[in-house]
Amino acid sequence: MSTANAGGNHNLVVSHGDEDLVGLLKRMNRGFLVTELLGQGVNPVTGDYSRGAAGYWIEDGAIAFPVEEVTIAGNLAEMYRDVVAVGNDVDRRGSRHCGSVLIGSMTVAGG
């Protein structure tokens, strides 16, 4: 008998803080804002995570220049432990509501 829960998460709501995306960028100060993920690269056994990405490089808390054709990598357990903040810029379309997520550190390579 199906419980209608197969196929992933449903009605997921992630708690957020008071900062919007601009506030998270200021808090980040220097790093990579991911706006697009490419491909599939998660090992469900080890949690190793590696995906192609594009977005913007952030310097002094502001967008400095666009970035494309890079790879971001990390480990899911470490990434979840290293969530610094979740922004209040929640996209309420659909059944998954989550704002921008600021992760303390990940590997960015290429470009």
PDB file of N, CA and C in Angstrom:
ATOM      1  N   MET A   1       0.838  -1.174   0.000  1.00  0.00           N
ATOM      2  CA  MET A   1       0.000   0.000   0.000  1.00  0.00           C
ATOM      3  C   MET A   1       0.887   1.244   0.000  1.00  0.00           C
ATOM      4  N   SER A   2       0.626   2.143  -0.896  1.00  0.00           N
ATOM      5  CA  SER A   2       1.413   3.363  -1.005  1.00  0.00           C
ATOM      6  C   SER A   2       0.960   4.390   0.021  1.00  0.00           C
ATOM      7  N   THR A   3       1.947   5.111   0.571  1.00  0.00           N
ATOM      8  CA  THR A   3       1.631   6.218   1.488  1.00  0.00           C
ATOM      9  C   THR A   3       1.715   7.555   0.767  1.00  0.00           C
ATOM     10  N   ALA A   4       1.977   7.522  -0.529  1.00  0.00           N
ATOM     11  CA  ALA A   4       2.080   8.727  -1.363  1.00  0.00           C
ATOM     12  C   ALA A   4       3.285   9.580  -1.009  1.00  0.00           C
ATOM     13  N   ASN A   5       4.266   9.002  -0.326  1.00  0.00           N
ATOM     14  CA  ASN A   5       5.459   9.755   0.051  1.00  0.00           C
ATOM     15  C   ASN A   5       6.685   9.363  -0.758  1.00  0.00           C
ATOM     16  N   ALA A   6       6.526   8.462  -1.705  1.00  0.00           N
ATOM     17  CA  ALA A   6       7.661   8.037  -2.512  1.00  0.00           C
ATOM     18  C   ALA A   6       8.096   9.159  -3.447  1.00  0.00           C
ATOM     19  N   GLY A   7       9.362   9.165  -3.794  1.00  0.00           N
ATOM     20  CA  GLY A   7       9.830  10.111  -4.792  1.00  0.00           C
ATOM     21  C   GLY A   7      10.408  11.396  -4.242  1.00  0.00           C
ATOM     22  N   GLY A   8      10.724  11.465  -2.958  1.00  0.00           N
ATOM     23  CA  GLY A   8      11.386  12.659  -2.442  1.00  0.00           C
ATOM     24  C   GLY A   8      10.610  13.346  -1.351  1.00  0.00           C
ATOM     25  N   ASN A   9      11.046  14.579  -1.046  1.00  0.00           N
ATOM     26  CA  ASN A   9      10.406  15.318   0.042  1.00  0.00           C
ATOM     27  C   ASN A   9       9.203  16.104  -0.465  1.00  0.00           C
ATOM     28  N   HIS A  10       8.269  16.312   0.409  1.00  0.00           N
ATOM     29  CA  HIS A  10       7.052  17.048   0.089  1.00  0.00           C
ATOM     30  C   HIS A  10       6.758  18.001   1.240  1.00  0.00           C
ATOM     31  N   ASN A  11       6.282  19.187   0.915  1.00  0.00           N
ATOM     32  CA  ASN A  11       5.923  20.176   1.936  1.00  0.00           C
ATOM     33  C   ASN A  11       7.080  20.444   2.899  1.00  0.00           C
ATOM     34  N   LEU A  12       8.254  20.687   2.335  1.00  0.00           N
ATOM     35  CA  LEU A  12       9.449  20.973   3.117  1.00  0.00           C
ATOM     36  C   LEU A  12       9.537  22.478   3.357  1.00  0.00           C
ATOM     37  N   VAL A  13       9.643  22.881   4.620  1.00  0.00           N
ATOM     38  CA  VAL A  13       9.799  24.286   4.983  1.00  0.00           C
ATOM     39  C   VAL A  13      11.036  24.401   5.861  1.00  0.00           C
ATOM     40  N   VAL A  14      12.024  25.186   5.420  1.00  0.00           N
ATOM     41  CA  VAL A  14      13.270  25.375   6.158  1.00  0.00           C
ATOM     42  C   VAL A  14      13.205  26.702   6.895  1.00  0.00           C
ATOM     43  N   SER A  15      13.466  26.666   8.208  1.00  0.00           N
ATOM     44  CA  SER A  15      13.473  27.895   9.001  1.00  0.00           C
ATOM     45  C   SER A  15      14.564  28.832   8.507  1.00  0.00           C
ATOM     46  N   HIS A  16      14.319  30.134   8.629  1.00  0.00           N
ATOM     47  CA  HIS A  16      15.297  31.113   8.144  1.00  0.00           C
ATOM     48  C   HIS A  16      15.533  32.195   9.189  1.00  0.00           C
ATOM     49  N   GLY A  17      16.594  32.959   8.949  1.00  0.00           N
ATOM     50  CA  GLY A  17      16.925  34.071   9.821  1.00  0.00           C
ATOM     51  C   GLY A  17      16.319  35.365   9.312  1.00  0.00           C
ATOM     52  N   ASP A  18      16.886  36.494   9.736  1.00  0.00           N
ATOM     53  CA  ASP A  18      16.353  37.817   9.397  1.00  0.00           C
ATOM     54  C   ASP A  18      17.016  38.442   8.179  1.00  0.00           C
ATOM     55  N   GLU A  19      18.138  37.871   7.708  1.00  0.00           N
ATOM     56  CA  GLU A  19      18.886  38.488   6.613  1.00  0.00           C
ATOM     57  C   GLU A  19      18.345  38.059   5.252  1.00  0.00           C
ATOM     58  N   ASP A  20      18.354  39.019   4.308  1.00  0.00           N
ATOM     59  CA  ASP A  20      18.021  38.699   2.923  1.00  0.00           C
ATOM     60  C   ASP A  20      19.316  38.307   2.204  1.00  0.00           C
ATOM     61  N   LEU A  21      19.227  38.082   0.891  1.00  0.00           N
ATOM     62  CA  LEU A  21      20.412  37.675   0.130  1.00  0.00           C
ATOM     63  C   LEU A  21      21.528  38.706   0.243  1.00  0.00           C
ATOM     64  N   VAL A  22      21.210  39.980   0.170  1.00  0.00           N
ATOM     65  CA  VAL A  22      22.238  41.028   0.286  1.00  0.00           C
ATOM     66  C   VAL A  22      22.942  40.933   1.637  1.00  0.00           C
ATOM     67  N   GLY A  23      22.183  40.676   2.690  1.00  0.00           N
ATOM     68  CA  GLY A  23      22.775  40.512   4.023  1.00  0.00           C
ATOM     69  C   GLY A  23      23.680  39.302   4.102  1.00  0.00           C
ATOM     70  N   LEU A  24      23.273  38.192   3.450  1.00  0.00           N
ATOM     71  CA  LEU A  24      24.122  37.001   3.445  1.00  0.00           C
ATOM     72  C   LEU A  24      25.412  37.243   2.669  1.00  0.00           C
ATOM     73  N   LEU A  25      25.333  37.984   1.561  1.00  0.00           N
ATOM     74  CA  LEU A  25      26.541  38.303   0.792  1.00  0.00           C
ATOM     75  C   LEU A  25      27.496  39.143   1.615  1.00  0.00           C
ATOM     76  N   LYS A  26      26.970  40.107   2.362  1.00  0.00           N
ATOM     77  CA  LYS A  26      27.829  40.926   3.229  1.00  0.00           C
ATOM     78  C   LYS A  26      28.479  40.067   4.296  1.00  0.00           C
ATOM     79  N   ARG A  27      27.717  39.142   4.850  1.00  0.00           N
ATOM     80  CA  ARG A  27      28.265  38.244   5.865  1.00  0.00           C
ATOM     81  C   ARG A  27      29.336  37.338   5.265  1.00  0.00           C
ATOM     82  N   MET A  28      29.111  36.856   4.024  1.00  0.00           N
ATOM     83  CA  MET A  28      30.092  36.015   3.340  1.00  0.00           C
ATOM     84  C   MET A  28      31.381  36.787   3.106  1.00  0.00           C
ATOM     85  N   ASN A  29      31.273  38.027   2.694  1.00  0.00           N
ATOM     86  CA  ASN A  29      32.380  38.929   2.382  1.00  0.00           C
ATOM     87  C   ASN A  29      33.118  38.531   1.108  1.00  0.00           C
ATOM     88  N   ARG A  30      33.642  37.316   1.047  1.00  0.00           N
ATOM     89  CA  ARG A  30      34.387  36.861  -0.137  1.00  0.00           C
ATOM     90  C   ARG A  30      34.039  35.406  -0.398  1.00  0.00           C
ATOM     91  N   GLY A  31      33.628  35.098  -1.641  1.00  0.00           N
ATOM     92  CA  GLY A  31      33.287  33.715  -1.957  1.00  0.00           C
ATOM     93  C   GLY A  31      32.525  33.614  -3.256  1.00  0.00           C
ATOM     94  N   PHE A  32      31.773  32.540  -3.390  1.00  0.00           N
ATOM     95  CA  PHE A  32      31.091  32.210  -4.631  1.00  0.00           C
ATOM     96  C   PHE A  32      29.593  32.084  -4.390  1.00  0.00           C
ATOM     97  N   LEU A  33      28.807  32.863  -5.107  1.00  0.00           N
ATOM     98  CA  LEU A  33      27.348  32.785  -5.077  1.00  0.00           C
ATOM     99  C   LEU A  33      26.918  31.873  -6.210  1.00  0.00           C
ATOM    100  N   VAL A  34      26.387  30.704  -5.877  1.00  0.00           N
ATOM    101  CA  VAL A  34      25.947  29.735  -6.877  1.00  0.00           C
ATOM    102  C   VAL A  34      24.534  30.099  -7.327  1.00  0.00           C
ATOM    103  N   THR A  35      24.366  30.260  -8.643  1.00  0.00           N
ATOM    104  CA  THR A  35      23.043  30.536  -9.195  1.00  0.00           C
ATOM    105  C   THR A  35      22.561  29.422 -10.109  1.00  0.00           C
ATOM    106  N   GLU A  36      23.464  28.520 -10.504  1.00  0.00           N
ATOM    107  CA  GLU A  36      23.100  27.430 -11.393  1.00  0.00           C
ATOM    108  C   GLU A  36      23.954  26.206 -11.081  1.00  0.00           C
ATOM    109  N   LEU A  37      23.302  25.048 -10.969  1.00  0.00           N
ATOM    110  CA  LEU A  37      24.007  23.781 -10.770  1.00  0.00           C
ATOM    111  C   LEU A  37      23.834  22.926 -12.008  1.00  0.00           C
ATOM    112  N   LEU A  38      24.891  22.203 -12.373  1.00  0.00           N
ATOM    113  CA  LEU A  38      24.891  21.386 -13.578  1.00  0.00           C
ATOM    114  C   LEU A  38      25.240  19.950 -13.223  1.00  0.00           C
ATOM    115  N   GLY A  39      24.572  18.997 -13.847  1.00  0.00           N
ATOM    116  CA  GLY A  39      24.922  17.597 -13.675  1.00  0.00           C
ATOM    117  C   GLY A  39      24.501  17.023 -12.347  1.00  0.00           C
ATOM    118  N   GLN A  40      24.884  15.775 -12.155  1.00  0.00           N
ATOM    119  CA  GLN A  40      24.565  15.025 -10.942  1.00  0.00           C
ATOM    120  C   GLN A  40      25.864  14.546 -10.348  1.00  0.00           C
ATOM    121  N   GLY A  41      26.096  14.786  -9.084  1.00  0.00           N
ATOM    122  CA  GLY A  41      27.361  14.379  -8.502  1.00  0.00           C
ATOM    123  C   GLY A  41      27.314  14.169  -7.007  1.00  0.00           C
ATOM    124  N   VAL A  42      26.374  13.345  -6.532  1.00  0.00           N
ATOM    125  CA  VAL A  42      26.287  13.050  -5.111  1.00  0.00           C
ATOM    126  C   VAL A  42      26.417  11.545  -4.922  1.00  0.00           C
ATOM    127  N   ASN A  43      27.352  11.137  -4.064  1.00  0.00           N
ATOM    128  CA  ASN A  43      27.503   9.731  -3.730  1.00  0.00           C
ATOM    129  C   ASN A  43      26.671   9.474  -2.473  1.00  0.00           C
ATOM    130  N   PRO A  44      25.558   8.726  -2.586  1.00  0.00           N
ATOM    131  CA  PRO A  44      24.684   8.526  -1.431  1.00  0.00           C
ATOM    132  C   PRO A  44      25.311   7.681  -0.320  1.00  0.00           C
ATOM    133  N   VAL A  45      26.370   6.959  -0.611  1.00  0.00           N
ATOM    134  CA  VAL A  45      27.032   6.133   0.403  1.00  0.00           C
ATOM    135  C   VAL A  45      27.997   6.970   1.242  1.00  0.00           C
ATOM    136  N   THR A  46      28.866   7.737   0.579  1.00  0.00           N
ATOM    137  CA  THR A  46      29.894   8.511   1.292  1.00  0.00           C
ATOM    138  C   THR A  46      29.466   9.939   1.590  1.00  0.00           C
ATOM    139  N   GLY A  47      28.482  10.457   0.837  1.00  0.00           N
ATOM    140  CA  GLY A  47      28.066  11.846   0.992  1.00  0.00           C
ATOM    141  C   GLY A  47      28.919  12.813   0.201  1.00  0.00           C
ATOM    142  N   ASP A  48      29.884  12.301  -0.563  1.00  0.00           N
ATOM    143  CA  ASP A  48      30.721  13.190  -1.374  1.00  0.00           C
ATOM    144  C   ASP A  48      29.857  13.890  -2.419  1.00  0.00           C
ATOM    145  N   TYR A  49      30.102  15.188  -2.580  1.00  0.00           N
ATOM    146  CA  TYR A  49      29.279  16.041  -3.425  1.00  0.00           C
ATOM    147  C   TYR A  49      30.184  16.792  -4.385  1.00  0.00           C
ATOM    148  N   SER A  50      29.884  16.746  -5.674  1.00  0.00           N
ATOM    149  CA  SER A  50      30.655  17.475  -6.675  1.00  0.00           C
ATOM    150  C   SER A  50      29.740  17.789  -7.849  1.00  0.00           C
ATOM    151  N   ARG A  51      29.591  19.075  -8.153  1.00  0.00           N
ATOM    152  CA  ARG A  51      28.691  19.491  -9.234  1.00  0.00           C
ATOM    153  C   ARG A  51      29.323  20.636 -10.015  1.00  0.00           C
ATOM    154  N   GLY A  52      28.978  20.699 -11.291  1.00  0.00           N
ATOM    155  CA  GLY A  52      29.326  21.863 -12.070  1.00  0.00           C
ATOM    156  C   GLY A  52      28.464  23.026 -11.599  1.00  0.00           C
ATOM    157  N   ALA A  53      28.992  24.240 -11.670  1.00  0.00           N
ATOM    158  CA  ALA A  53      28.246  25.389 -11.165  1.00  0.00           C
ATOM    159  C   ALA A  53      28.589  26.658 -11.942  1.00  0.00           C
ATOM    160  N   ALA A  54      27.691  27.609 -11.848  1.00  0.00           N
ATOM    161  CA  ALA A  54      27.900  28.955 -12.384  1.00  0.00           C
ATOM    162  C   ALA A  54      27.292  29.924 -11.386  1.00  0.00           C
ATOM    163  N   GLY A  55      27.736  31.167 -11.438  1.00  0.00           N
ATOM    164  CA  GLY A  55      27.209  32.164 -10.519  1.00  0.00           C
ATOM    165  C   GLY A  55      28.040  33.425 -10.555  1.00  0.00           C
ATOM    166  N   TYR A  56      28.330  33.965  -9.370  1.00  0.00           N
ATOM    167  CA  TYR A  56      29.058  35.234  -9.259  1.00  0.00           C
ATOM    168  C   TYR A  56      30.092  35.150  -8.153  1.00  0.00           C
ATOM    169  N   TRP A  57      31.254  35.755  -8.405  1.00  0.00           N
ATOM    170  CA  TRP A  57      32.272  35.879  -7.375  1.00  0.00           C
ATOM    171  C   TRP A  57      31.923  37.097  -6.532  1.00  0.00           C
ATOM    172  N   ILE A  58      32.058  36.942  -5.219  1.00  0.00           N
ATOM    173  CA  ILE A  58      31.722  37.999  -4.262  1.00  0.00           C
ATOM    174  C   ILE A  58      33.007  38.530  -3.633  1.00  0.00           C
ATOM    175  N   GLU A  59      33.181  39.826  -3.663  1.00  0.00           N
ATOM    176  CA  GLU A  59      34.304  40.509  -2.991  1.00  0.00           C
ATOM    177  C   GLU A  59      33.736  41.644  -2.158  1.00  0.00           C
ATOM    178  N   ASP A  60      34.204  41.785  -0.929  1.00  0.00           N
ATOM    179  CA  ASP A  60      33.740  42.832  -0.019  1.00  0.00           C
ATOM    180  C   ASP A  60      32.214  42.853   0.089  1.00  0.00           C
ATOM    181  N   GLY A  61      31.599  41.665   0.067  1.00  0.00           N
ATOM    182  CA  GLY A  61      30.171  41.545   0.262  1.00  0.00           C
ATOM    183  C   GLY A  61      29.298  41.945  -0.909  1.00  0.00           C
ATOM    184  N   ALA A  62      29.901  42.118  -2.092  1.00  0.00           N
ATOM    185  CA  ALA A  62      29.132  42.527  -3.270  1.00  0.00           C
ATOM    186  C   ALA A  62      29.571  41.714  -4.487  1.00  0.00           C
ATOM    187  N   ILE A  63      28.687  41.602  -5.465  1.00  0.00           N
ATOM    188  CA  ILE A  63      29.001  40.881  -6.690  1.00  0.00           C
ATOM    189  C   ILE A  63      30.134  41.584  -7.423  1.00  0.00           C
ATOM    190  N   ALA A  64      31.194  40.813  -7.741  1.00  0.00           N
ATOM    191  CA  ALA A  64      32.362  41.377  -8.431  1.00  0.00           C
ATOM    192  C   ALA A  64      32.347  41.041  -9.918  1.00  0.00           C
ATOM    193  N   PHE A  65      32.070  39.767 -10.264  1.00  0.00           N
ATOM    194  CA  PHE A  65      32.051  39.371 -11.671  1.00  0.00           C
ATOM    195  C   PHE A  65      31.389  38.001 -11.803  1.00  0.00           C
ATOM    196  N   PRO A  66      30.862  37.694 -13.018  1.00  0.00           N
ATOM    197  CA  PRO A  66      30.248  36.386 -13.234  1.00  0.00           C
ATOM    198  C   PRO A  66      31.296  35.282 -13.319  1.00  0.00           C
ATOM    199  N   VAL A  67      30.893  34.076 -12.920  1.00  0.00           N
ATOM    200  CA  VAL A  67      31.761  32.905 -12.951  1.00  0.00           C
ATOM    201  C   VAL A  67      30.981  31.776 -13.601  1.00  0.00           C
ATOM    202  N   GLU A  68      31.632  31.042 -14.509  1.00  0.00           N
ATOM    203  CA  GLU A  68      30.987  29.870 -15.098  1.00  0.00           C
ATOM    204  C   GLU A  68      32.018  28.772 -15.275  1.00  0.00           C
ATOM    205  N   GLU A  69      31.525  27.562 -15.526  1.00  0.00           N
ATOM    206  CA  GLU A  69      32.369  26.401 -15.768  1.00  0.00           C
ATOM    207  C   GLU A  69      33.328  26.103 -14.618  1.00  0.00           C
ATOM    208  N   VAL A  70      32.800  26.111 -13.383  1.00  0.00           N
ATOM    209  CA  VAL A  70      33.584  25.707 -12.223  1.00  0.00           C
ATOM    210  C   VAL A  70      32.934  24.473 -11.608  1.00  0.00           C
ATOM    211  N   THR A  71      33.649  23.841 -10.714  1.00  0.00           N
ATOM    212  CA  THR A  71      33.128  22.712  -9.956  1.00  0.00           C
ATOM    213  C   THR A  71      33.137  23.076  -8.489  1.00  0.00           C
ATOM    214  N   ILE A  72      32.030  22.797  -7.814  1.00  0.00           N
ATOM    215  CA  ILE A  72      32.005  22.944  -6.362  1.00  0.00           C
ATOM    216  C   ILE A  72      31.988  21.541  -5.764  1.00  0.00           C
ATOM    217  N   ALA A  73      32.667  21.363  -4.633  1.00  0.00           N
ATOM    218  CA  ALA A  73      32.765  20.041  -4.039  1.00  0.00           C
ATOM    219  C   ALA A  73      32.781  20.141  -2.530  1.00  0.00           C
ATOM    220  N   GLY A  74      32.313  19.077  -1.905  1.00  0.00           N
ATOM    221  CA  GLY A  74      32.303  18.983  -0.454  1.00  0.00           C
ATOM    222  C   GLY A  74      31.744  17.638  -0.044  1.00  0.00           C
ATOM    223  N   ASN A  75      31.302  17.553   1.191  1.00  0.00           N
ATOM    224  CA  ASN A  75      30.673  16.354   1.720  1.00  0.00           C
ATOM    225  C   ASN A  75      29.360  16.790   2.350  1.00  0.00           C
ATOM    226  N   LEU A  76      28.264  16.109   2.022  1.00  0.00           N
ATOM    227  CA  LEU A  76      26.946  16.537   2.471  1.00  0.00           C
ATOM    228  C   LEU A  76      26.852  16.701   3.987  1.00  0.00           C
ATOM    229  N   ALA A  77      27.367  15.751   4.744  1.00  0.00           N
ATOM    230  CA  ALA A  77      27.300  15.857   6.207  1.00  0.00           C
ATOM    231  C   ALA A  77      28.039  17.100   6.691  1.00  0.00           C
ATOM    232  N   GLU A  78      29.215  17.350   6.127  1.00  0.00           N
ATOM    233  CA  GLU A  78      29.987  18.536   6.509  1.00  0.00           C
ATOM    234  C   GLU A  78      29.282  19.813   6.059  1.00  0.00           C
ATOM    235  N   MET A  79      28.694  19.789   4.862  1.00  0.00           N
ATOM    236  CA  MET A  79      27.986  20.970   4.369  1.00  0.00           C
ATOM    237  C   MET A  79      26.813  21.310   5.284  1.00  0.00           C
ATOM    238  N   TYR A  80      26.038  20.308   5.692  1.00  0.00           N
ATOM    239  CA  TYR A  80      24.904  20.564   6.591  1.00  0.00           C
ATOM    240  C   TYR A  80      25.381  21.098   7.936  1.00  0.00           C
ATOM    241  N   ARG A  81      26.476  20.559   8.455  1.00  0.00           N
ATOM    242  CA  ARG A  81      27.016  21.051   9.732  1.00  0.00           C
ATOM    243  C   ARG A  81      27.553  22.470   9.610  1.00  0.00           C
ATOM    244  N   ASP A  82      27.970  22.850   8.386  1.00  0.00           N
ATOM    245  CA  ASP A  82      28.612  24.145   8.168  1.00  0.00           C
ATOM    246  C   ASP A  82      27.654  25.201   7.623  1.00  0.00           C
ATOM    247  N   VAL A  83      26.332  24.966   7.730  1.00  0.00           N
ATOM    248  CA  VAL A  83      25.377  26.001   7.322  1.00  0.00           C
ATOM    249  C   VAL A  83      25.483  27.153   8.319  1.00  0.00           C
ATOM    250  N   VAL A  84      25.855  28.326   7.807  1.00  0.00           N
ATOM    251  CA  VAL A  84      26.033  29.513   8.632  1.00  0.00           C
ATOM    252  C   VAL A  84      24.702  30.238   8.824  1.00  0.00           C
ATOM    253  N   ALA A  85      23.917  30.333   7.746  1.00  0.00           N
ATOM    254  CA  ALA A  85      22.644  31.049   7.812  1.00  0.00           C
ATOM    255  C   ALA A  85      21.758  30.645   6.645  1.00  0.00           C
ATOM    256  N   VAL A  86      20.458  30.831   6.839  1.00  0.00           N
ATOM    257  CA  VAL A  86      19.473  30.660   5.776  1.00  0.00           C
ATOM    258  C   VAL A  86      18.750  31.994   5.653  1.00  0.00           C
ATOM    259  N   GLY A  87      18.721  32.533   4.436  1.00  0.00           N
ATOM    260  CA  GLY A  87      18.141  33.848   4.206  1.00  0.00           C
ATOM    261  C   GLY A  87      16.619  33.848   4.233  1.00  0.00           C
ATOM    262  N   ASN A  88      16.062  35.041   4.398  1.00  0.00           N
ATOM    263  CA  ASN A  88      14.605  35.187   4.423  1.00  0.00           C
ATOM    264  C   ASN A  88      14.014  35.385   3.031  1.00  0.00           C
ATOM    265  N   ASP A  89      14.828  35.211   1.997  1.00  0.00           N
ATOM    266  CA  ASP A  89      14.377  35.359   0.605  1.00  0.00           C
ATOM    267  C   ASP A  89      13.772  34.039   0.112  1.00  0.00           C
ATOM    268  N   VAL A  90      12.732  33.607   0.785  1.00  0.00           N
ATOM    269  CA  VAL A  90      12.126  32.297   0.544  1.00  0.00           C
ATOM    270  C   VAL A  90      11.294  32.315  -0.745  1.00  0.00           C
ATOM    271  N   ASP A  91      11.541  31.307  -1.596  1.00  0.00           N
ATOM    272  CA  ASP A  91      10.727  31.102  -2.786  1.00  0.00           C
ATOM    273  C   ASP A  91       9.545  30.233  -2.365  1.00  0.00           C
ATOM    274  N   ARG A  92       8.348  30.792  -2.353  1.00  0.00           N
ATOM    275  CA  ARG A  92       7.177  30.089  -1.838  1.00  0.00           C
ATOM    276  C   ARG A  92       6.381  29.354  -2.916  1.00  0.00           C
ATOM    277  N   ARG A  93       6.915  29.339  -4.147  1.00  0.00           N
ATOM    278  CA  ARG A  93       6.252  28.547  -5.189  1.00  0.00           C
ATOM    279  C   ARG A  93       6.540  27.078  -4.940  1.00  0.00           C
ATOM    280  N   GLY A  94       5.573  26.233  -5.139  1.00  0.00           N
ATOM    281  CA  GLY A  94       5.768  24.805  -4.966  1.00  0.00           C
ATOM    282  C   GLY A  94       5.657  24.378  -3.514  1.00  0.00           C
ATOM    283  N   SER A  95       6.133  23.171  -3.234  1.00  0.00           N
ATOM    284  CA  SER A  95       5.978  22.591  -1.899  1.00  0.00           C
ATOM    285  C   SER A  95       7.267  22.609  -1.083  1.00  0.00           C
ATOM    286  N   ARG A  96       8.333  23.199  -1.610  1.00  0.00           N
ATOM    287  CA  ARG A  96       9.604  23.288  -0.890  1.00  0.00           C
ATOM    288  C   ARG A  96       9.954  24.753  -0.709  1.00  0.00           C
ATOM    289  N   HIS A  97       9.961  25.219   0.541  1.00  0.00           N
ATOM    290  CA  HIS A  97      10.194  26.623   0.834  1.00  0.00           C
ATOM    291  C   HIS A  97      11.516  26.780   1.580  1.00  0.00           C
ATOM    292  N   CYS A  98      12.474  27.426   0.925  1.00  0.00           N
ATOM    293  CA  CYS A  98      13.783  27.630   1.537  1.00  0.00           C
ATOM    294  C   CYS A  98      14.412  28.888   0.963  1.00  0.00           C
ATOM    295  N   GLY A  99      15.056  29.670   1.803  1.00  0.00           N
ATOM    296  CA  GLY A  99      15.781  30.842   1.348  1.00  0.00           C
ATOM    297  C   GLY A  99      17.190  30.467   0.914  1.00  0.00           C
ATOM    298  N   SER A 100      17.970  31.464   0.550  1.00  0.00           N
ATOM    299  CA  SER A 100      19.379  31.249   0.194  1.00  0.00           C
ATOM    300  C   SER A 100      20.117  30.653   1.383  1.00  0.00           C
ATOM    301  N   VAL A 101      21.062  29.764   1.104  1.00  0.00           N
ATOM    302  CA  VAL A 101      21.795  29.080   2.158  1.00  0.00           C
ATOM    303  C   VAL A 101      23.268  29.496   2.091  1.00  0.00           C
ATOM    304  N   LEU A 102      23.799  29.975   3.201  1.00  0.00           N
ATOM    305  CA  LEU A 102      25.209  30.347   3.303  1.00  0.00           C
ATOM    306  C   LEU A 102      25.958  29.206   3.984  1.00  0.00           C
ATOM    307  N   ILE A 103      26.898  28.598   3.249  1.00  0.00           N
ATOM    308  CA  ILE A 103      27.704  27.497   3.772  1.00  0.00           C
ATOM    309  C   ILE A 103      29.100  28.041   4.038  1.00  0.00           C
ATOM    310  N   GLY A 104      29.656  27.697   5.180  1.00  0.00           N
ATOM    311  CA  GLY A 104      30.942  28.230   5.614  1.00  0.00           C
ATOM    312  C   GLY A 104      32.079  28.016   4.639  1.00  0.00           C
ATOM    313  N   SER A 105      32.224  26.795   4.113  1.00  0.00           N
ATOM    314  CA  SER A 105      33.302  26.571   3.147  1.00  0.00           C
ATOM    315  C   SER A 105      33.006  25.343   2.291  1.00  0.00           C
ATOM    316  N   MET A 106      33.425  25.440   1.033  1.00  0.00           N
ATOM    317  CA  MET A 106      33.394  24.347   0.075  1.00  0.00           C
ATOM    318  C   MET A 106      34.559  24.564  -0.868  1.00  0.00           C
ATOM    319  N   THR A 107      34.903  23.546  -1.615  1.00  0.00           N
ATOM    320  CA  THR A 107      35.965  23.674  -2.615  1.00  0.00           C
ATOM    321  C   THR A 107      35.358  24.194  -3.920  1.00  0.00           C
ATOM    322  N   VAL A 108      35.997  25.212  -4.496  1.00  0.00           N
ATOM    323  CA  VAL A 108      35.616  25.745  -5.801  1.00  0.00           C
ATOM    324  C   VAL A 108      36.843  25.606  -6.699  1.00  0.00           C
ATOM    325  N   ALA A 109      36.675  24.938  -7.852  1.00  0.00           N
ATOM    326  CA  ALA A 109      37.817  24.705  -8.737  1.00  0.00           C
ATOM    327  C   ALA A 109      37.429  24.982 -10.180  1.00  0.00           C
ATOM    328  N   GLY A 110      38.383  25.412 -10.965  1.00  0.00           N
ATOM    329  CA  GLY A 110      38.175  25.648 -12.383  1.00  0.00           C
ATOM    330  C   GLY A 110      37.971  27.118 -12.682  1.00  0.00           C
ATOM    331  N   GLY A 111      37.364  27.368 -13.837  1.00  0.00           N
ATOM    332  CA  GLY A 111      37.063  28.745 -14.205  1.00  0.00           C
ATOM    333  C   GLY A 111      38.081  29.303 -15.037  1.00  0.00           C
TER     334      GLY A 111
END
